[in-house]
Amino acid sequence: MAWLGSFIAWIAGIVVLIKLFQKEGLLKGILGLICMLYTFIWGWQNIKNDPQLKNWMYAWSAAIVVGIVINMLVSNSG
């Protein structure tokens, strides 16, 4: 079940990375590809400009939190 949160986070991260490439160009896109933390921060800084980006950032953040919580629950129950 924990893989679901990771999969959703991965999909949302890829979508935000594509938007980063489209809006900022090749060099910042490559930086975002190398360091997804940069993509995550860029996404939160630019949610006012793009309503779709806002939805993807909420999904990405929620998926990270859900994945952490599920992993904690599974590791404590074993």
Protein backbone atom coordinates (compact mmCIF):
# COMPACT_ATOMS: atom_id res chain seq x y z
CA MET A 1 0.00 0.00 0.00
CA ALA A 2 2.93 2.35 0.65
CA TRP A 3 3.88 2.10 -3.03
CA LEU A 4 0.70 4.00 -3.94
CA GLY A 5 1.87 7.18 -2.18
CA SER A 6 5.27 6.87 -3.83
CA PHE A 7 3.73 6.34 -7.26
CA ILE A 8 1.44 9.38 -6.93
CA ALA A 9 4.37 11.50 -5.69
CA TRP A 10 6.47 10.33 -8.65
CA ILE A 11 3.74 11.18 -11.20
CA ALA A 12 3.12 14.61 -9.65
CA GLY A 13 6.86 15.30 -9.58
CA ILE A 14 7.19 14.46 -13.27
CA VAL A 15 4.27 16.74 -14.18
CA VAL A 16 5.77 19.64 -12.20
CA LEU A 17 9.17 18.94 -13.78
CA ILE A 18 7.60 19.19 -17.25
CA LYS A 19 6.06 22.54 -16.29
CA LEU A 20 9.46 23.66 -15.00
CA PHE A 21 11.05 22.81 -18.37
CA GLN A 22 8.27 24.67 -20.21
CA LYS A 23 8.41 27.84 -18.13
CA GLU A 24 12.09 28.13 -17.15
CA GLY A 25 13.96 26.50 -20.00
CA LEU A 26 16.51 23.76 -20.45
CA LEU A 27 19.10 24.61 -17.80
CA LYS A 28 16.70 24.99 -14.90
CA GLY A 29 14.82 21.94 -16.13
CA ILE A 30 18.01 19.88 -16.01
CA LEU A 31 18.69 21.23 -12.52
CA GLY A 32 15.19 20.15 -11.53
CA LEU A 33 15.80 16.71 -13.03
CA ILE A 34 19.05 16.30 -11.09
CA CYS A 35 17.60 17.66 -7.85
CA MET A 36 13.87 17.11 -7.46
CA LEU A 37 13.96 19.23 -4.29
CA TYR A 38 14.56 22.21 -6.58
CA THR A 39 11.48 21.20 -8.60
CA PHE A 40 9.41 20.85 -5.43
CA ILE A 41 10.45 24.30 -4.15
CA TRP A 42 9.96 25.88 -7.58
CA GLY A 43 6.48 24.39 -7.75
CA TRP A 44 5.43 25.88 -4.43
CA GLN A 45 6.88 29.26 -5.38
CA ASN A 46 4.89 29.34 -8.64
CA ILE A 47 1.47 28.01 -7.63
CA LYS A 48 -0.10 31.47 -7.95
CA ASN A 49 0.68 31.59 -11.67
CA ASP A 50 -0.84 28.26 -12.67
CA PRO A 51 -3.98 26.71 -11.12
CA GLN A 52 -3.10 23.25 -12.45
CA LEU A 53 0.31 23.49 -10.83
CA LYS A 54 -1.42 24.24 -7.53
CA ASN A 55 -3.41 20.99 -7.74
CA TRP A 56 -0.33 18.96 -8.64
CA MET A 57 1.68 20.48 -5.78
CA TYR A 58 -1.07 19.64 -3.29
CA ALA A 59 -1.17 16.08 -4.65
CA TRP A 60 2.63 15.78 -4.50
CA SER A 61 2.81 17.05 -0.92
CA ALA A 62 -0.10 14.89 0.24
CA ALA A 63 1.40 11.80 -1.39
CA ILE A 64 4.70 12.37 0.40
CA VAL A 65 2.96 12.73 3.76
CA VAL A 66 0.70 9.72 3.17
CA GLY A 67 3.68 7.61 2.11
CA ILE A 68 5.61 8.56 5.26
CA VAL A 69 2.63 7.82 7.52
CA ILE A 70 1.93 4.45 5.87
CA ASN A 71 5.60 3.45 6.11
CA MET A 72 5.65 4.40 9.79
CA LEU A 73 2.50 2.38 10.49
CA VAL A 74 3.80 -0.66 8.62
CA SER A 75 7.21 -0.57 10.29
CA ASN A 76 5.69 -0.24 13.78
CA SER A 77 3.23 -3.09 13.31
CA GLY A 78 5.84 -5.64 12.28
